[in-house]
Amino acid sequence: MADNDKAPDPARRSLLKAAPLGALAVVAARAGAAEAAPPAPAPEPPAKPKGYHETEHIRRYYQTAAYW
């Protein structure tokens, strides 16, 4: 590190200043592509009953757990 008294490289600083602009360009390009072709809607899975519902498995448990 003998060159500590050297002035900073202006090209490197301009690169660091331009980096956020490149990120904005990528975001803008992705947003434009998303508007051009909306994805097809996913097919809805068959509706499952919500909450408690008695199945064969539960009925067998009730039979084995019953002790009265």
PDB file of N, CA and C in Angstrom:
ATOM      1  N   MET A   1       0.828  -1.179   0.000  1.00  0.00           N
ATOM      2  CA  MET A   1       0.000   0.000   0.000  1.00  0.00           C
ATOM      3  C   MET A   1       0.878   1.250   0.000  1.00  0.00           C
ATOM      4  N   ALA A   2       1.825   1.290  -0.852  1.00  0.00           N
ATOM      5  CA  ALA A   2       2.733   2.431  -0.914  1.00  0.00           C
ATOM      6  C   ALA A   2       2.119   3.593  -1.667  1.00  0.00           C
ATOM      7  N   ASP A   3       1.031   3.377  -2.406  1.00  0.00           N
ATOM      8  CA  ASP A   3       0.434   4.435  -3.234  1.00  0.00           C
ATOM      9  C   ASP A   3      -0.765   5.079  -2.539  1.00  0.00           C
ATOM     10  N   ASN A   4      -0.733   5.256  -1.249  1.00  0.00           N
ATOM     11  CA  ASN A   4      -1.864   5.846  -0.531  1.00  0.00           C
ATOM     12  C   ASN A   4      -2.068   7.320  -0.842  1.00  0.00           C
ATOM     13  N   ASP A   5      -1.035   8.023  -1.290  1.00  0.00           N
ATOM     14  CA  ASP A   5      -1.151   9.450  -1.542  1.00  0.00           C
ATOM     15  C   ASP A   5      -1.623   9.762  -2.955  1.00  0.00           C
ATOM     16  N   LYS A   6      -2.029   8.728  -3.721  1.00  0.00           N
ATOM     17  CA  LYS A   6      -2.544   8.929  -5.079  1.00  0.00           C
ATOM     18  C   LYS A   6      -3.967   9.450  -5.030  1.00  0.00           C
ATOM     19  N   ALA A   7      -4.341  10.243  -6.001  1.00  0.00           N
ATOM     20  CA  ALA A   7      -5.714  10.753  -6.094  1.00  0.00           C
ATOM     21  C   ALA A   7      -6.636   9.627  -6.556  1.00  0.00           C
ATOM     22  N   PRO A   8      -7.904   9.622  -6.105  1.00  0.00           N
ATOM     23  CA  PRO A   8      -8.836   8.576  -6.540  1.00  0.00           C
ATOM     24  C   PRO A   8      -9.093   8.645  -8.044  1.00  0.00           C
ATOM     25  N   ASP A   9      -9.359   7.489  -8.601  1.00  0.00           N
ATOM     26  CA  ASP A   9      -9.607   7.385 -10.039  1.00  0.00           C
ATOM     27  C   ASP A   9     -11.006   7.915 -10.350  1.00  0.00           C
ATOM     28  N   PRO A  10     -11.147   8.962 -11.175  1.00  0.00           N
ATOM     29  CA  PRO A  10     -12.472   9.516 -11.479  1.00  0.00           C
ATOM     30  C   PRO A  10     -13.358   8.542 -12.257  1.00  0.00           C
ATOM     31  N   ALA A  11     -12.795   7.628 -13.034  1.00  0.00           N
ATOM     32  CA  ALA A  11     -13.601   6.669 -13.794  1.00  0.00           C
ATOM     33  C   ALA A  11     -14.327   5.726 -12.844  1.00  0.00           C
ATOM     34  N   ARG A  12     -13.643   5.359 -11.765  1.00  0.00           N
ATOM     35  CA  ARG A  12     -14.284   4.470 -10.794  1.00  0.00           C
ATOM     36  C   ARG A  12     -15.435   5.180 -10.091  1.00  0.00           C
ATOM     37  N   ARG A  13     -15.245   6.422  -9.769  1.00  0.00           N
ATOM     38  CA  ARG A  13     -16.319   7.176  -9.115  1.00  0.00           C
ATOM     39  C   ARG A  13     -17.518   7.346 -10.037  1.00  0.00           C
ATOM     40  N   SER A  14     -17.296   7.551 -11.313  1.00  0.00           N
ATOM     41  CA  SER A  14     -18.424   7.701 -12.236  1.00  0.00           C
ATOM     42  C   SER A  14     -19.175   6.380 -12.383  1.00  0.00           C
ATOM     43  N   LEU A  15     -18.441   5.276 -12.298  1.00  0.00           N
ATOM     44  CA  LEU A  15     -19.099   3.964 -12.346  1.00  0.00           C
ATOM     45  C   LEU A  15     -20.006   3.790 -11.128  1.00  0.00           C
ATOM     46  N   LEU A  16     -19.509   4.155  -9.959  1.00  0.00           N
ATOM     47  CA  LEU A  16     -20.307   4.021  -8.745  1.00  0.00           C
ATOM     48  C   LEU A  16     -21.523   4.952  -8.757  1.00  0.00           C
ATOM     49  N   LYS A  17     -21.377   6.099  -9.388  1.00  0.00           N
ATOM     50  CA  LYS A  17     -22.519   7.023  -9.491  1.00  0.00           C
ATOM     51  C   LYS A  17     -23.575   6.501 -10.457  1.00  0.00           C
ATOM     52  N   ALA A  18     -23.160   5.755 -11.485  1.00  0.00           N
ATOM     53  CA  ALA A  18     -24.078   5.283 -12.510  1.00  0.00           C
ATOM     54  C   ALA A  18     -24.746   3.961 -12.140  1.00  0.00           C
ATOM     55  N   ALA A  19     -24.257   3.261 -11.134  1.00  0.00           N
ATOM     56  CA  ALA A  19     -24.808   1.954 -10.774  1.00  0.00           C
ATOM     57  C   ALA A  19     -26.295   2.014 -10.414  1.00  0.00           C
ATOM     58  N   PRO A  20     -26.767   2.988  -9.615  1.00  0.00           N
ATOM     59  CA  PRO A  20     -28.204   3.033  -9.322  1.00  0.00           C
ATOM     60  C   PRO A  20     -29.057   3.269 -10.568  1.00  0.00           C
ATOM     61  N   LEU A  21     -28.540   3.988 -11.532  1.00  0.00           N
ATOM     62  CA  LEU A  21     -29.305   4.214 -12.760  1.00  0.00           C
ATOM     63  C   LEU A  21     -29.490   2.912 -13.531  1.00  0.00           C
ATOM     64  N   GLY A  22     -28.482   2.069 -13.517  1.00  0.00           N
ATOM     65  CA  GLY A  22     -28.600   0.769 -14.178  1.00  0.00           C
ATOM     66  C   GLY A  22     -29.646  -0.091 -13.500  1.00  0.00           C
ATOM     67  N   ALA A  23     -29.716  -0.048 -12.181  1.00  0.00           N
ATOM     68  CA  ALA A  23     -30.719  -0.822 -11.449  1.00  0.00           C
ATOM     69  C   ALA A  23     -32.121  -0.322 -11.777  1.00  0.00           C
ATOM     70  N   LEU A  24     -32.282   0.979 -11.882  1.00  0.00           N
ATOM     71  CA  LEU A  24     -33.592   1.531 -12.252  1.00  0.00           C
ATOM     72  C   LEU A  24     -33.990   1.108 -13.659  1.00  0.00           C
ATOM     73  N   ALA A  25     -33.040   1.039 -14.564  1.00  0.00           N
ATOM     74  CA  ALA A  25     -33.341   0.617 -15.927  1.00  0.00           C
ATOM     75  C   ALA A  25     -33.818  -0.839 -15.954  1.00  0.00           C
ATOM     76  N   VAL A  26     -33.213  -1.679 -15.144  1.00  0.00           N
ATOM     77  CA  VAL A  26     -33.621  -3.086 -15.090  1.00  0.00           C
ATOM     78  C   VAL A  26     -35.042  -3.204 -14.543  1.00  0.00           C
ATOM     79  N   VAL A  27     -35.343  -2.455 -13.499  1.00  0.00           N
ATOM     80  CA  VAL A  27     -36.683  -2.498 -12.911  1.00  0.00           C
ATOM     81  C   VAL A  27     -37.719  -1.992 -13.910  1.00  0.00           C
ATOM     82  N   ALA A  28     -37.402  -0.940 -14.625  1.00  0.00           N
ATOM     83  CA  ALA A  28     -38.336  -0.399 -15.606  1.00  0.00           C
ATOM     84  C   ALA A  28     -38.567  -1.386 -16.750  1.00  0.00           C
ATOM     85  N   ALA A  29     -37.527  -2.081 -17.162  1.00  0.00           N
ATOM     86  CA  ALA A  29     -37.667  -3.055 -18.242  1.00  0.00           C
ATOM     87  C   ALA A  29     -38.541  -4.221 -17.804  1.00  0.00           C
ATOM     88  N   ARG A  30     -38.373  -4.673 -16.565  1.00  0.00           N
ATOM     89  CA  ARG A  30     -39.186  -5.790 -16.074  1.00  0.00           C
ATOM     90  C   ARG A  30     -40.641  -5.363 -15.925  1.00  0.00           C
ATOM     91  N   ALA A  31     -40.880  -4.136 -15.508  1.00  0.00           N
ATOM     92  CA  ALA A  31     -42.256  -3.655 -15.344  1.00  0.00           C
ATOM     93  C   ALA A  31     -42.943  -3.561 -16.706  1.00  0.00           C
ATOM     94  N   GLY A  32     -42.221  -3.133 -17.721  1.00  0.00           N
ATOM     95  CA  GLY A  32     -42.792  -3.051 -19.061  1.00  0.00           C
ATOM     96  C   GLY A  32     -43.114  -4.426 -19.615  1.00  0.00           C
ATOM     97  N   ALA A  33     -42.271  -5.398 -19.334  1.00  0.00           N
ATOM     98  CA  ALA A  33     -42.512  -6.755 -19.813  1.00  0.00           C
ATOM     99  C   ALA A  33     -43.698  -7.382 -19.096  1.00  0.00           C
ATOM    100  N   ALA A  34     -43.891  -7.048 -17.845  1.00  0.00           N
ATOM    101  CA  ALA A  34     -45.001  -7.611 -17.073  1.00  0.00           C
ATOM    102  C   ALA A  34     -46.341  -7.077 -17.588  1.00  0.00           C
ATOM    103  N   GLU A  35     -46.361  -5.840 -18.025  1.00  0.00           N
ATOM    104  CA  GLU A  35     -47.600  -5.265 -18.547  1.00  0.00           C
ATOM    105  C   GLU A  35     -47.940  -5.815 -19.938  1.00  0.00           C
ATOM    106  N   ALA A  36     -46.937  -6.183 -20.699  1.00  0.00           N
ATOM    107  CA  ALA A  36     -47.158  -6.622 -22.068  1.00  0.00           C
ATOM    108  C   ALA A  36     -47.849  -7.990 -22.124  1.00  0.00           C
ATOM    109  N   ALA A  37     -47.459  -8.912 -21.261  1.00  0.00           N
ATOM    110  CA  ALA A  37     -48.009 -10.266 -21.320  1.00  0.00           C
ATOM    111  C   ALA A  37     -48.434 -10.706 -19.921  1.00  0.00           C
ATOM    112  N   PRO A  38     -49.700 -10.511 -19.565  1.00  0.00           N
ATOM    113  CA  PRO A  38     -50.131 -10.957 -18.244  1.00  0.00           C
ATOM    114  C   PRO A  38     -50.152 -12.486 -18.183  1.00  0.00           C
ATOM    115  N   PRO A  39     -49.783 -13.060 -17.064  1.00  0.00           N
ATOM    116  CA  PRO A  39     -49.764 -14.518 -16.964  1.00  0.00           C
ATOM    117  C   PRO A  39     -51.180 -15.083 -16.976  1.00  0.00           C
ATOM    118  N   ALA A  40     -51.281 -16.299 -17.481  1.00  0.00           N
ATOM    119  CA  ALA A  40     -52.583 -16.959 -17.531  1.00  0.00           C
ATOM    120  C   ALA A  40     -53.014 -17.294 -16.107  1.00  0.00           C
ATOM    121  N   PRO A  41     -54.292 -17.161 -15.802  1.00  0.00           N
ATOM    122  CA  PRO A  41     -54.742 -17.482 -14.440  1.00  0.00           C
ATOM    123  C   PRO A  41     -54.584 -18.973 -14.157  1.00  0.00           C
ATOM    124  N   ALA A  42     -54.163 -19.274 -12.951  1.00  0.00           N
ATOM    125  CA  ALA A  42     -53.973 -20.669 -12.550  1.00  0.00           C
ATOM    126  C   ALA A  42     -55.336 -21.313 -12.324  1.00  0.00           C
ATOM    127  N   PRO A  43     -55.488 -22.569 -12.708  1.00  0.00           N
ATOM    128  CA  PRO A  43     -56.770 -23.230 -12.469  1.00  0.00           C
ATOM    129  C   PRO A  43     -56.995 -23.384 -10.971  1.00  0.00           C
ATOM    130  N   GLU A  44     -58.225 -23.175 -10.555  1.00  0.00           N
ATOM    131  CA  GLU A  44     -58.552 -23.256  -9.141  1.00  0.00           C
ATOM    132  C   GLU A  44     -58.653 -24.715  -8.716  1.00  0.00           C
ATOM    133  N   PRO A  45     -58.043 -25.055  -7.588  1.00  0.00           N
ATOM    134  CA  PRO A  45     -58.166 -26.435  -7.100  1.00  0.00           C
ATOM    135  C   PRO A  45     -59.587 -26.668  -6.596  1.00  0.00           C
ATOM    136  N   PRO A  46     -60.013 -27.912  -6.570  1.00  0.00           N
ATOM    137  CA  PRO A  46     -61.362 -28.179  -6.084  1.00  0.00           C
ATOM    138  C   PRO A  46     -61.518 -27.689  -4.651  1.00  0.00           C
ATOM    139  N   ALA A  47     -62.682 -27.182  -4.332  1.00  0.00           N
ATOM    140  CA  ALA A  47     -62.927 -26.609  -3.016  1.00  0.00           C
ATOM    141  C   ALA A  47     -62.945 -27.703  -1.954  1.00  0.00           C
ATOM    142  N   LYS A  48     -62.181 -27.488  -0.890  1.00  0.00           N
ATOM    143  CA  LYS A  48     -62.163 -28.421   0.229  1.00  0.00           C
ATOM    144  C   LYS A  48     -63.058 -27.849   1.322  1.00  0.00           C
ATOM    145  N   PRO A  49     -63.749 -28.702   2.042  1.00  0.00           N
ATOM    146  CA  PRO A  49     -64.555 -28.187   3.138  1.00  0.00           C
ATOM    147  C   PRO A  49     -63.647 -27.602   4.211  1.00  0.00           C
ATOM    148  N   LYS A  50     -64.067 -26.465   4.754  1.00  0.00           N
ATOM    149  CA  LYS A  50     -63.270 -25.829   5.794  1.00  0.00           C
ATOM    150  C   LYS A  50     -63.817 -26.210   7.150  1.00  0.00           C
ATOM    151  N   GLY A  51     -62.941 -26.189   8.120  1.00  0.00           N
ATOM    152  CA  GLY A  51     -63.354 -26.506   9.467  1.00  0.00           C
ATOM    153  C   GLY A  51     -63.416 -28.005   9.697  1.00  0.00           C
ATOM    154  N   TYR A  52     -64.171 -28.381  10.694  1.00  0.00           N
ATOM    155  CA  TYR A  52     -64.262 -29.783  11.081  1.00  0.00           C
ATOM    156  C   TYR A  52     -65.158 -30.545  10.118  1.00  0.00           C
ATOM    157  N   HIS A  53     -64.696 -31.697   9.680  1.00  0.00           N
ATOM    158  CA  HIS A  53     -65.530 -32.615   8.911  1.00  0.00           C
ATOM    159  C   HIS A  53     -65.100 -34.034   9.263  1.00  0.00           C
ATOM    160  N   GLU A  54     -66.054 -34.883   9.440  1.00  0.00           N
ATOM    161  CA  GLU A  54     -65.787 -36.245   9.880  1.00  0.00           C
ATOM    162  C   GLU A  54     -65.473 -37.118   8.670  1.00  0.00           C
ATOM    163  N   THR A  55     -64.314 -37.750   8.711  1.00  0.00           N
ATOM    164  CA  THR A  55     -63.900 -38.650   7.643  1.00  0.00           C
ATOM    165  C   THR A  55     -63.829 -40.068   8.190  1.00  0.00           C
ATOM    166  N   GLU A  56     -63.561 -41.008   7.319  1.00  0.00           N
ATOM    167  CA  GLU A  56     -63.454 -42.406   7.738  1.00  0.00           C
ATOM    168  C   GLU A  56     -62.328 -42.576   8.755  1.00  0.00           C
ATOM    169  N   HIS A  57     -61.254 -41.891   8.547  1.00  0.00           N
ATOM    170  CA  HIS A  57     -60.133 -41.963   9.470  1.00  0.00           C
ATOM    171  C   HIS A  57     -60.546 -41.493  10.868  1.00  0.00           C
ATOM    172  N   ILE A  58     -61.280 -40.423  10.953  1.00  0.00           N
ATOM    173  CA  ILE A  58     -61.725 -39.903  12.244  1.00  0.00           C
ATOM    174  C   ILE A  58     -62.735 -40.840  12.887  1.00  0.00           C
ATOM    175  N   ARG A  59     -63.620 -41.415  12.096  1.00  0.00           N
ATOM    176  CA  ARG A  59     -64.598 -42.365  12.643  1.00  0.00           C
ATOM    177  C   ARG A  59     -63.893 -43.574  13.259  1.00  0.00           C
ATOM    178  N   ARG A  60     -62.840 -44.092  12.602  1.00  0.00           N
ATOM    179  CA  ARG A  60     -62.090 -45.219  13.163  1.00  0.00           C
ATOM    180  C   ARG A  60     -61.414 -44.822  14.468  1.00  0.00           C
ATOM    181  N   TYR A  61     -60.903 -43.617  14.545  1.00  0.00           N
ATOM    182  CA  TYR A  61     -60.286 -43.153  15.785  1.00  0.00           C
ATOM    183  C   TYR A  61     -61.321 -43.106  16.907  1.00  0.00           C
ATOM    184  N   TYR A  62     -62.501 -42.583  16.611  1.00  0.00           N
ATOM    185  CA  TYR A  62     -63.548 -42.513  17.622  1.00  0.00           C
ATOM    186  C   TYR A  62     -63.908 -43.929  18.125  1.00  0.00           C
ATOM    187  N   GLN A  63     -63.936 -44.894  17.241  1.00  0.00           N
ATOM    188  CA  GLN A  63     -64.255 -46.260  17.643  1.00  0.00           C
ATOM    189  C   GLN A  63     -63.160 -46.845  18.541  1.00  0.00           C
ATOM    190  N   THR A  64     -61.921 -46.579  18.211  1.00  0.00           N
ATOM    191  CA  THR A  64     -60.837 -47.151  19.017  1.00  0.00           C
ATOM    192  C   THR A  64     -60.639 -46.387  20.318  1.00  0.00           C
ATOM    193  N   ALA A  65     -60.988 -45.114  20.367  1.00  0.00           N
ATOM    194  CA  ALA A  65     -60.794 -44.324  21.580  1.00  0.00           C
ATOM    195  C   ALA A  65     -61.985 -44.421  22.531  1.00  0.00           C
ATOM    196  N   ALA A  66     -63.091 -44.936  22.065  1.00  0.00           N
ATOM    197  CA  ALA A  66     -64.276 -45.006  22.911  1.00  0.00           C
ATOM    198  C   ALA A  66     -64.069 -46.034  24.021  1.00  0.00           C
ATOM    199  N   TYR A  67     -64.319 -45.629  25.229  1.00  0.00           N
ATOM    200  CA  TYR A  67     -64.139 -46.561  26.353  1.00  0.00           C
ATOM    201  C   TYR A  67     -65.351 -46.536  27.264  1.00  0.00           C
ATOM    202  N   TRP A  68     -66.526 -46.255  26.789  1.00  0.00           N
ATOM    203  CA  TRP A  68     -67.748 -46.296  27.594  1.00  0.00           C
ATOM    204  C   TRP A  68     -68.657 -47.398  27.192  1.00  0.00           C
TER     205      TRP A  68
END
